[in-house]
Amino acid sequence: MLHTESHNALVIRAARVIDPALQRDEIADVIVVDGRYAERASAAAHVLEGQGLIVCPGLMDIHVHLREPGFEHKETIESGTAAAAAGGFTFVACMPNTKPPLDNPKTVALVLEKARQADRCTVAPIAAITRGRRGVDLTHFAALREAGAVAFSDDGDGVQDTAVMRAAFQQATRTESTVIQHCQDNQLAGKGVLHGGLVAAKLKLRGIDPAAEETMLERDLALCRETRARYHVAHVSTARAVDLIRKAKAEGLPVTAEVCTHHLALTDEACAGADPNTKMNPPLRPRADVEACRRGLVDGTIDCIVTDHAPHSPAEKAVGFAAAPFGVIGLETALGVAAGALIQPGLTGWPTLIARFTVGPASVLHLPLPHIATGQPANLTLINPAAPWTVDPLLFESRSRNTPFAGWRLAGRPVCTLRGHRLTRPAW
């Protein structure tokens, strides 16, 4: 279990402070007094020795499934935000595929109240694009924005009808909202359960054509070109999708994108053993796609890293690969997995990785860029970049255990998060 302490004055001494918004990377003390960053503290302040550690703005994940309301056997807002805090996150944006879905102000308000009561991290609801997430009738964007929704998505289902998606883009433009699309043409995807390639053939399972992702992306980019709506591409997974986004950005379209930690770290070869904990949507792809996603993240084509944290109960995943639901959890492994995929092979360093977990997601949602500056409310993550650890799902704060990384040896782990007065430390 996480434990939380409250400190009126805290000094993190001689840590490496990485603040991408301010282009800051230096050894310094970070001081918090009465919940705000300060220049000095009294001798009675609580001191954390920061030598060898990194202090950065609190990590953000803008693609998380907290499951509540409706699927509390998988996850609750309390357990999901505890998992987020254990993973170093101080902010998560939760997707609307709950029961009932987040398609009305009342349900959005319920999520916000539950998150306030849990008080583990900030939760920002993403509302549904269409009522019931059925892809037919648009929700009321303005009312949902007023209730606290930060963006709109039917995640889990791409909006198949082009006229509906165009109307969504038009409404997003009027309300200055961001539309987040799960790019999948259902006719092309069919009933596939993993990437359509050699592994699928060997397992004699139906594959998902990567064109299912790319075709919908091309359609949406055309609509974005017409409407100039803010468009965010969820969980990019193919090399061609990365290239399409790169060209759209060069054209000046208001397009952003994200990539999941599992799409940076795993190829479809991970599915060769037919472990349902390697089944996700979009599916794991071949090496060339993984490398393209890594390059796109490093060069800024892809704006941020997400987990697509998707809890399922053990019983739901224990029915064989073909029948098991799509999705894996990732909040408590994200930092170490991302560091292993990007820093360990020398593709980038901690400043870029932290930027993709902080200023990148904030920019996508048009939120103030997080930074560490005197007088601002304290919101930070303390990281041990060299700490070796082995992933043990039995120690997770999440209610679910459906991770593809069980037993992995990782380096890089959060030590604690701080939000205002509240210092939250994992129990391990």
Protein backbone atom coordinates (compact mmCIF):
# COMPACT_ATOMS: atom_id res chain seq x y z
CA MET A 1 0.00 0.00 0.00
CA LEU A 2 1.12 3.54 -0.68
CA HIS A 3 1.76 5.71 2.31
CA THR A 4 1.34 9.47 2.40
CA GLU A 5 3.03 12.07 4.53
CA SER A 6 2.22 15.75 4.89
CA HIS A 7 5.02 18.29 5.19
CA ASN A 8 4.72 22.05 5.58
CA ALA A 9 8.36 22.39 4.58
CA LEU A 10 10.47 19.98 2.54
CA VAL A 11 13.97 20.21 1.08
CA ILE A 12 15.18 17.80 -1.60
CA ARG A 13 18.91 18.33 -1.43
CA ALA A 14 21.39 18.26 -4.33
CA ALA A 15 19.21 16.40 -6.84
CA ARG A 16 19.42 16.58 -10.62
CA VAL A 17 16.58 18.94 -11.52
CA ILE A 18 15.21 18.33 -15.01
CA ASP A 19 12.53 20.80 -16.04
CA PRO A 20 11.86 20.59 -19.81
CA ALA A 21 9.51 23.59 -19.90
CA LEU A 22 12.32 25.81 -18.60
CA GLN A 23 15.10 23.88 -20.40
CA ARG A 24 16.68 23.29 -17.02
CA ASP A 25 19.03 20.42 -16.19
CA GLU A 26 21.24 21.06 -13.18
CA ILE A 27 22.16 19.91 -9.68
CA ALA A 28 20.19 21.97 -7.19
CA ASP A 29 18.04 21.93 -4.08
CA VAL A 30 14.26 21.91 -4.50
CA ILE A 31 12.42 23.55 -1.61
CA VAL A 32 8.70 23.35 -0.89
CA VAL A 33 7.05 25.45 1.83
CA ASP A 34 3.32 25.40 2.49
CA GLY A 35 2.70 23.44 -0.69
CA ARG A 36 4.60 25.81 -3.01
CA TYR A 37 8.10 25.97 -4.40
CA ALA A 38 10.23 28.35 -2.36
CA GLU A 39 13.74 29.79 -2.26
CA ARG A 40 14.44 28.93 1.38
CA ALA A 41 13.09 26.90 4.28
CA SER A 42 13.59 26.88 8.02
CA ALA A 43 16.03 24.57 9.75
CA ALA A 44 13.05 22.48 10.86
CA ALA A 45 12.20 21.46 7.28
CA HIS A 46 12.10 17.77 6.42
CA VAL A 47 15.12 16.88 4.27
CA LEU A 48 15.35 14.26 1.53
CA GLU A 49 18.85 13.59 0.24
CA GLY A 50 18.68 13.83 -3.54
CA GLN A 51 22.18 12.83 -4.62
CA GLY A 52 21.89 10.53 -7.62
CA LEU A 53 18.17 11.23 -7.96
CA ILE A 54 16.17 13.23 -10.50
CA VAL A 55 13.52 15.80 -9.59
CA CYS A 56 11.13 16.70 -12.39
CA PRO A 57 7.60 18.05 -12.78
CA GLY A 58 5.00 15.44 -11.92
CA LEU A 59 4.61 12.83 -14.66
CA MET A 60 1.42 12.87 -16.74
CA ASP A 61 -0.43 10.07 -18.54
CA ILE A 62 -3.27 11.19 -20.79
CA HIS A 63 -4.55 7.73 -21.74
CA VAL A 64 -5.71 5.68 -18.75
CA HIS A 65 -8.73 3.46 -18.10
CA LEU A 66 -9.87 3.77 -14.49
CA ARG A 67 -12.94 1.56 -15.17
CA GLU A 68 -15.20 3.27 -12.64
CA PRO A 69 -18.18 3.51 -12.87
CA GLY A 70 -19.32 0.09 -13.96
CA PHE A 71 -16.26 -2.15 -13.97
CA GLU A 72 -15.01 -1.91 -10.41
CA HIS A 73 -13.95 -5.57 -10.43
CA LYS A 74 -11.17 -4.51 -12.82
CA GLU A 75 -10.16 -1.18 -11.25
CA THR A 76 -11.56 1.69 -9.22
CA ILE A 77 -10.64 5.33 -9.29
CA GLU A 78 -9.01 4.83 -5.89
CA SER A 79 -6.92 1.81 -6.94
CA GLY A 80 -6.11 3.23 -10.37
CA THR A 81 -4.87 6.53 -8.99
CA ALA A 82 -2.87 4.66 -6.35
CA ALA A 83 -1.24 2.73 -9.21
CA ALA A 84 -0.59 6.04 -10.95
CA ALA A 85 1.09 7.54 -7.89
CA ALA A 86 3.19 4.39 -7.43
CA GLY A 87 4.33 4.79 -11.03
CA GLY A 88 5.35 8.41 -10.49
CA PHE A 89 2.31 10.07 -12.05
CA THR A 90 0.64 13.11 -10.52
CA PHE A 91 -1.86 13.55 -13.37
CA VAL A 92 -3.91 11.11 -15.43
CA ALA A 93 -6.62 11.64 -18.02
CA CYS A 94 -9.18 8.84 -17.96
CA MET A 95 -11.00 7.45 -20.97
CA PRO A 96 -14.81 7.33 -21.25
CA ASN A 97 -15.44 3.62 -21.83
CA THR A 98 -17.09 3.08 -18.47
CA LYS A 99 -20.65 1.94 -17.72
CA PRO A 100 -22.39 4.30 -18.06
CA PRO A 101 -19.90 6.00 -20.38
CA LEU A 102 -18.63 9.51 -19.76
CA ASP A 103 -21.11 11.03 -22.19
CA ASN A 104 -22.97 13.37 -19.82
CA PRO A 105 -22.02 16.00 -17.21
CA LYS A 106 -23.37 13.94 -14.30
CA THR A 107 -21.00 11.02 -14.92
CA VAL A 108 -18.07 13.36 -15.47
CA ALA A 109 -18.85 15.01 -12.12
CA LEU A 110 -18.97 11.58 -10.45
CA VAL A 111 -15.47 10.75 -11.66
CA LEU A 112 -14.12 14.09 -10.46
CA GLU A 113 -15.67 13.64 -7.02
CA LYS A 114 -14.33 10.09 -6.67
CA ALA A 115 -10.88 11.34 -7.65
CA ARG A 116 -11.10 14.16 -5.11
CA GLN A 117 -11.94 11.66 -2.40
CA ALA A 118 -9.08 9.33 -3.36
CA ASP A 119 -6.63 12.26 -3.52
CA ARG A 120 -3.79 10.24 -5.03
CA CYS A 121 -3.29 12.30 -8.18
CA THR A 122 -5.13 14.75 -10.40
CA VAL A 123 -7.72 13.09 -12.65
CA ALA A 124 -8.99 14.76 -15.82
CA PRO A 125 -11.94 13.03 -17.54
CA ILE A 126 -12.00 12.58 -21.30
CA ALA A 127 -15.62 12.56 -22.44
CA ALA A 128 -17.15 10.50 -25.23
CA ILE A 129 -17.44 11.89 -28.74
CA THR A 130 -20.78 10.15 -29.29
CA ARG A 131 -23.61 9.14 -26.98
CA GLY A 132 -23.05 5.69 -25.60
CA ARG A 133 -19.85 5.60 -27.66
CA ARG A 134 -22.02 4.15 -30.42
CA GLY A 135 -20.61 6.37 -33.16
CA VAL A 136 -23.95 7.91 -34.15
CA ASP A 137 -25.10 10.97 -32.17
CA LEU A 138 -22.64 13.54 -30.89
CA THR A 139 -22.45 14.40 -27.23
CA HIS A 140 -22.80 18.00 -26.06
CA PHE A 141 -19.19 19.15 -26.14
CA ALA A 142 -19.81 22.53 -24.51
CA ALA A 143 -21.72 21.09 -21.56
CA LEU A 144 -19.13 18.38 -21.03
CA ARG A 145 -16.31 20.91 -21.17
CA GLU A 146 -18.13 22.98 -18.57
CA ALA A 147 -18.42 19.86 -16.37
CA GLY A 148 -14.65 19.31 -16.51
CA ALA A 149 -13.91 17.19 -19.58
CA VAL A 150 -10.51 18.01 -21.07
CA ALA A 151 -10.94 16.27 -24.45
CA PHE A 152 -13.22 13.92 -26.39
CA SER A 153 -12.75 10.32 -27.53
CA ASP A 154 -14.71 7.15 -28.17
CA ASP A 155 -11.53 5.25 -27.33
CA GLY A 156 -11.83 1.53 -27.78
CA ASP A 157 -13.89 2.29 -30.87
CA GLY A 158 -12.91 4.53 -33.73
CA VAL A 159 -15.68 6.73 -35.11
CA GLN A 160 -16.48 4.81 -38.29
CA ASP A 161 -18.95 7.23 -39.93
CA THR A 162 -17.10 9.99 -41.77
CA ALA A 163 -20.01 12.43 -41.51
CA VAL A 164 -20.18 11.93 -37.74
CA MET A 165 -16.44 12.48 -37.41
CA ARG A 166 -16.60 15.61 -39.52
CA ALA A 167 -19.38 16.97 -37.29
CA ALA A 168 -17.28 16.12 -34.23
CA PHE A 169 -14.36 18.06 -35.68
CA GLN A 170 -16.64 21.03 -36.34
CA GLN A 171 -17.98 20.96 -32.78
CA ALA A 172 -14.43 20.62 -31.44
CA THR A 173 -13.41 23.71 -33.38
CA ARG A 174 -16.32 25.71 -31.96
CA THR A 175 -15.54 24.66 -28.38
CA GLU A 176 -11.73 24.79 -28.73
CA SER A 177 -11.56 21.10 -27.82
CA THR A 178 -9.21 18.27 -28.73
CA VAL A 179 -10.57 15.14 -30.40
CA ILE A 180 -8.69 11.92 -29.63
CA GLN A 181 -9.19 9.11 -32.12
CA HIS A 182 -8.74 5.37 -31.78
CA CYS A 183 -7.71 4.88 -35.41
CA GLN A 184 -9.18 1.60 -36.58
CA ASP A 185 -11.31 0.88 -39.61
CA ASN A 186 -13.45 -1.98 -38.36
CA GLN A 187 -14.06 -3.45 -41.80
CA LEU A 188 -10.31 -3.76 -42.39
CA ALA A 189 -9.60 -4.97 -38.86
CA GLY A 190 -12.33 -7.58 -39.04
CA LYS A 191 -12.20 -10.03 -36.15
CA GLY A 192 -8.42 -10.00 -35.88
CA VAL A 193 -6.80 -10.48 -32.50
CA LEU A 194 -3.12 -9.62 -33.17
CA HIS A 195 -0.94 -8.12 -35.88
CA GLY A 196 -1.48 -9.77 -39.25
CA GLY A 197 1.95 -11.30 -39.81
CA LEU A 198 4.10 -14.37 -39.31
CA VAL A 199 3.24 -14.80 -35.62
CA ALA A 200 -0.49 -14.76 -36.36
CA ALA A 201 0.04 -17.31 -39.12
CA LYS A 202 2.03 -19.62 -36.84
CA LEU A 203 -0.63 -19.42 -34.13
CA LYS A 204 -3.39 -19.82 -36.71
CA LEU A 205 -5.14 -16.74 -35.37
CA ARG A 206 -6.83 -13.95 -37.33
CA GLY A 207 -4.57 -10.97 -37.90
CA ILE A 208 -5.29 -7.24 -37.90
CA ASP A 209 -4.12 -5.50 -41.06
CA PRO A 210 -2.06 -2.39 -40.18
CA ALA A 211 -4.02 -0.61 -42.91
CA ALA A 212 -6.93 -0.55 -40.45
CA GLU A 213 -5.02 2.04 -38.42
CA GLU A 214 -3.55 3.92 -41.35
CA THR A 215 -6.71 4.22 -43.44
CA MET A 216 -8.71 5.86 -40.66
CA LEU A 217 -5.77 8.14 -39.87
CA GLU A 218 -5.65 9.29 -43.50
CA ARG A 219 -9.38 10.01 -43.48
CA ASP A 220 -9.14 11.98 -40.25
CA LEU A 221 -6.19 14.02 -41.47
CA ALA A 222 -8.27 15.06 -44.48
CA LEU A 223 -11.04 16.17 -42.11
CA CYS A 224 -8.50 18.00 -39.96
CA ARG A 225 -7.21 19.77 -43.04
CA GLU A 226 -10.74 20.92 -43.80
CA THR A 227 -11.88 21.92 -40.29
CA ARG A 228 -8.54 22.81 -38.59
CA ALA A 229 -9.79 20.97 -35.50
CA ARG A 230 -7.30 19.90 -32.84
CA TYR A 231 -6.74 16.22 -33.56
CA HIS A 232 -4.80 13.77 -31.39
CA VAL A 233 -3.88 10.30 -32.59
CA ALA A 234 -4.13 7.70 -29.84
CA HIS A 235 -1.62 4.83 -29.44
CA VAL A 236 0.25 5.09 -32.74
CA SER A 237 1.73 1.72 -33.66
CA THR A 238 2.86 1.55 -37.31
CA ALA A 239 5.73 3.08 -39.23
CA ARG A 240 3.42 4.44 -41.90
CA ALA A 241 1.19 6.09 -39.28
CA VAL A 242 4.25 7.83 -37.83
CA ASP A 243 5.18 9.04 -41.32
CA LEU A 244 1.65 10.34 -41.97
CA ILE A 245 1.74 12.30 -38.72
CA ARG A 246 5.18 13.67 -39.50
CA LYS A 247 3.96 14.96 -42.88
CA ALA A 248 0.79 16.41 -41.34
CA LYS A 249 2.82 18.35 -38.81
CA ALA A 250 5.16 19.62 -41.53
CA GLU A 251 2.05 20.85 -43.34
CA GLY A 252 1.06 22.79 -40.24
CA LEU A 253 -2.02 20.80 -39.28
CA PRO A 254 -3.02 20.93 -35.57
CA VAL A 255 -2.13 17.26 -35.07
CA THR A 256 -0.55 15.57 -32.07
CA ALA A 257 0.15 11.93 -31.28
CA GLU A 258 1.02 9.49 -28.52
CA VAL A 259 2.71 6.10 -28.26
CA CYS A 260 2.25 3.44 -25.57
CA THR A 261 5.14 2.07 -23.54
CA HIS A 262 4.36 -1.45 -24.75
CA HIS A 263 4.60 -0.35 -28.40
CA LEU A 264 8.08 1.00 -27.64
CA ALA A 265 9.32 -2.10 -25.83
CA LEU A 266 7.68 -5.15 -27.43
CA THR A 267 7.26 -6.60 -30.91
CA ASP A 268 4.63 -9.04 -32.10
CA GLU A 269 7.12 -11.81 -31.31
CA ALA A 270 6.00 -11.35 -27.68
CA CYS A 271 2.69 -12.92 -28.73
CA ALA A 272 4.36 -16.14 -29.92
CA GLY A 273 3.51 -17.91 -26.67
CA ALA A 274 -0.16 -16.88 -26.99
CA ASP A 275 -0.10 -15.18 -23.58
CA PRO A 276 -3.31 -13.10 -23.31
CA ASN A 277 -1.30 -10.48 -21.44
CA THR A 278 0.37 -9.62 -24.75
CA LYS A 279 -2.99 -8.97 -26.44
CA MET A 280 -3.77 -5.29 -26.91
CA ASN A 281 -5.35 -3.00 -29.47
CA PRO A 282 -3.68 -1.73 -31.55
CA PRO A 283 -1.65 -4.94 -31.49
CA LEU A 284 2.06 -5.32 -31.00
CA ARG A 285 3.84 -4.77 -34.31
CA PRO A 286 7.04 -6.00 -36.00
CA ARG A 287 10.47 -4.57 -35.21
CA ALA A 288 10.43 -1.98 -38.02
CA ASP A 289 7.27 -0.41 -36.61
CA VAL A 290 8.68 -0.36 -33.07
CA GLU A 291 11.83 1.36 -34.29
CA ALA A 292 9.79 3.92 -36.23
CA CYS A 293 7.74 4.71 -33.12
CA ARG A 294 10.93 5.16 -31.11
CA ARG A 295 12.40 7.51 -33.73
CA GLY A 296 9.16 9.45 -33.95
CA LEU A 297 9.06 9.94 -30.22
CA VAL A 298 12.66 11.11 -30.03
CA ASP A 299 12.36 13.57 -32.93
CA GLY A 300 9.08 15.02 -31.64
CA THR A 301 6.74 13.66 -34.30
CA ILE A 302 5.08 11.81 -31.43
CA ASP A 303 4.38 14.22 -28.59
CA CYS A 304 4.01 12.00 -25.56
CA ILE A 305 4.22 8.56 -23.98
CA VAL A 306 1.10 6.96 -22.53
CA THR A 307 0.27 3.63 -20.92
CA ASP A 308 -3.26 2.94 -22.21
CA HIS A 309 -3.58 1.35 -18.75
CA ALA A 310 -6.39 -1.17 -19.35
CA PRO A 311 -7.12 -3.38 -16.34
CA HIS A 312 -8.88 -6.73 -16.69
CA SER A 313 -9.49 -9.33 -14.02
CA PRO A 314 -7.46 -12.57 -14.05
CA ALA A 315 -10.57 -14.56 -14.95
CA GLU A 316 -11.24 -12.38 -17.97
CA LYS A 317 -7.72 -12.87 -19.30
CA ALA A 318 -7.60 -16.60 -18.52
CA VAL A 319 -9.78 -17.71 -21.44
CA GLY A 320 -7.12 -18.07 -24.14
CA PHE A 321 -5.63 -15.51 -26.51
CA ALA A 322 -8.43 -15.42 -29.07
CA ALA A 323 -11.26 -14.90 -26.55
CA ALA A 324 -9.47 -12.69 -24.01
CA PRO A 325 -10.21 -8.94 -23.99
CA PHE A 326 -7.71 -6.53 -25.47
CA GLY A 327 -5.61 -4.49 -23.07
CA VAL A 328 -2.77 -4.46 -20.55
CA ILE A 329 -1.94 -2.38 -17.50
CA GLY A 330 1.06 -0.09 -17.46
CA LEU A 331 1.02 2.70 -14.88
CA GLU A 332 3.40 1.04 -12.43
CA THR A 333 5.92 -0.10 -15.06
CA ALA A 334 5.82 2.84 -17.50
CA LEU A 335 8.89 4.73 -16.39
CA GLY A 336 11.22 1.73 -16.23
CA VAL A 337 9.94 0.23 -19.49
CA ALA A 338 10.28 3.54 -21.34
CA ALA A 339 13.78 4.08 -19.97
CA GLY A 340 14.75 0.58 -21.07
CA ALA A 341 13.40 1.14 -24.57
CA LEU A 342 14.88 4.60 -25.12
CA ILE A 343 17.67 5.45 -22.70
CA GLN A 344 19.38 2.09 -22.30
CA PRO A 345 20.04 1.70 -26.08
CA GLY A 346 21.26 5.30 -26.28
CA LEU A 347 18.39 6.71 -28.36
CA THR A 348 17.83 9.62 -26.00
CA GLY A 349 18.44 10.80 -22.43
CA TRP A 350 16.39 11.60 -19.36
CA PRO A 351 15.54 15.20 -20.40
CA THR A 352 13.73 14.05 -23.55
CA LEU A 353 12.06 11.13 -21.80
CA ILE A 354 10.77 13.40 -19.04
CA ALA A 355 9.59 15.95 -21.61
CA ARG A 356 7.44 13.26 -23.25
CA PHE A 357 5.88 12.51 -19.86
CA THR A 358 5.30 16.18 -18.89
CA VAL A 359 5.28 19.07 -21.39
CA GLY A 360 4.24 16.74 -24.22
CA PRO A 361 0.97 15.54 -22.67
CA ALA A 362 0.22 18.99 -21.24
CA SER A 363 0.61 20.50 -24.73
CA VAL A 364 -1.74 17.93 -26.26
CA LEU A 365 -4.52 18.93 -23.85
CA HIS A 366 -3.61 22.63 -24.00
CA LEU A 367 -2.93 22.72 -20.27
CA PRO A 368 -0.35 24.99 -18.61
CA LEU A 369 3.12 23.51 -19.04
CA PRO A 370 4.30 21.97 -15.74
CA HIS A 371 7.44 23.52 -14.31
CA ILE A 372 9.35 24.00 -11.09
CA ALA A 373 9.42 27.69 -10.21
CA THR A 374 9.32 29.70 -7.00
CA GLY A 375 5.78 30.51 -5.92
CA GLN A 376 4.12 27.82 -8.05
CA PRO A 377 2.14 24.96 -6.43
CA ALA A 378 4.43 22.00 -5.81
CA ASN A 379 3.87 19.09 -8.18
CA LEU A 380 6.86 16.84 -8.75
CA THR A 381 8.19 13.35 -9.17
CA LEU A 382 11.41 12.11 -7.59
CA ILE A 383 13.12 9.38 -9.65
CA ASN A 384 16.00 7.01 -9.00
CA PRO A 385 17.28 6.57 -12.58
CA ALA A 386 19.62 3.69 -11.77
CA ALA A 387 17.54 1.65 -9.32
CA PRO A 388 17.29 -1.94 -10.57
CA TRP A 389 14.03 -3.73 -9.89
CA THR A 390 12.06 -6.74 -11.01
CA VAL A 391 8.42 -6.40 -12.02
CA ASP A 392 6.23 -8.34 -9.60
CA PRO A 393 2.51 -7.91 -10.38
CA LEU A 394 1.59 -9.17 -6.89
CA LEU A 395 3.00 -5.92 -5.50
CA PHE A 396 0.94 -3.66 -7.77
CA GLU A 397 -1.48 -1.11 -6.37
CA SER A 398 -3.76 -1.81 -9.33
CA ARG A 399 -6.58 -4.31 -8.81
CA SER A 400 -5.50 -6.10 -11.97
CA ARG A 401 -2.35 -8.01 -12.91
CA ASN A 402 -2.54 -8.17 -16.71
CA THR A 403 0.97 -6.95 -17.52
CA PRO A 404 3.24 -8.27 -20.28
CA PHE A 405 6.27 -7.25 -18.21
CA ALA A 406 6.03 -9.66 -15.28
CA GLY A 407 9.54 -10.77 -14.30
CA TRP A 408 11.28 -8.08 -16.37
CA ARG A 409 14.39 -6.56 -14.83
CA LEU A 410 14.18 -2.79 -15.19
CA ALA A 411 16.28 0.23 -14.19
CA GLY A 412 14.70 3.54 -13.24
CA ARG A 413 11.95 3.84 -10.68
CA PRO A 414 9.96 6.61 -8.98
CA VAL A 415 10.86 7.27 -5.35
CA CYS A 416 7.84 9.44 -4.55
CA THR A 417 5.48 12.09 -5.82
CA LEU A 418 4.68 15.41 -4.18
CA ARG A 419 1.47 17.37 -4.71
CA GLY A 420 1.25 20.42 -2.49
CA HIS A 421 1.87 19.17 1.06
CA ARG A 422 1.28 15.50 0.21
CA LEU A 423 4.29 13.27 -0.29
CA THR A 424 3.28 9.82 -1.56
CA ARG A 425 5.70 6.93 -1.47
CA PRO A 426 5.29 3.40 -2.83
CA ALA A 427 5.47 0.70 -0.16
CA TRP A 428 8.04 -1.50 -1.92
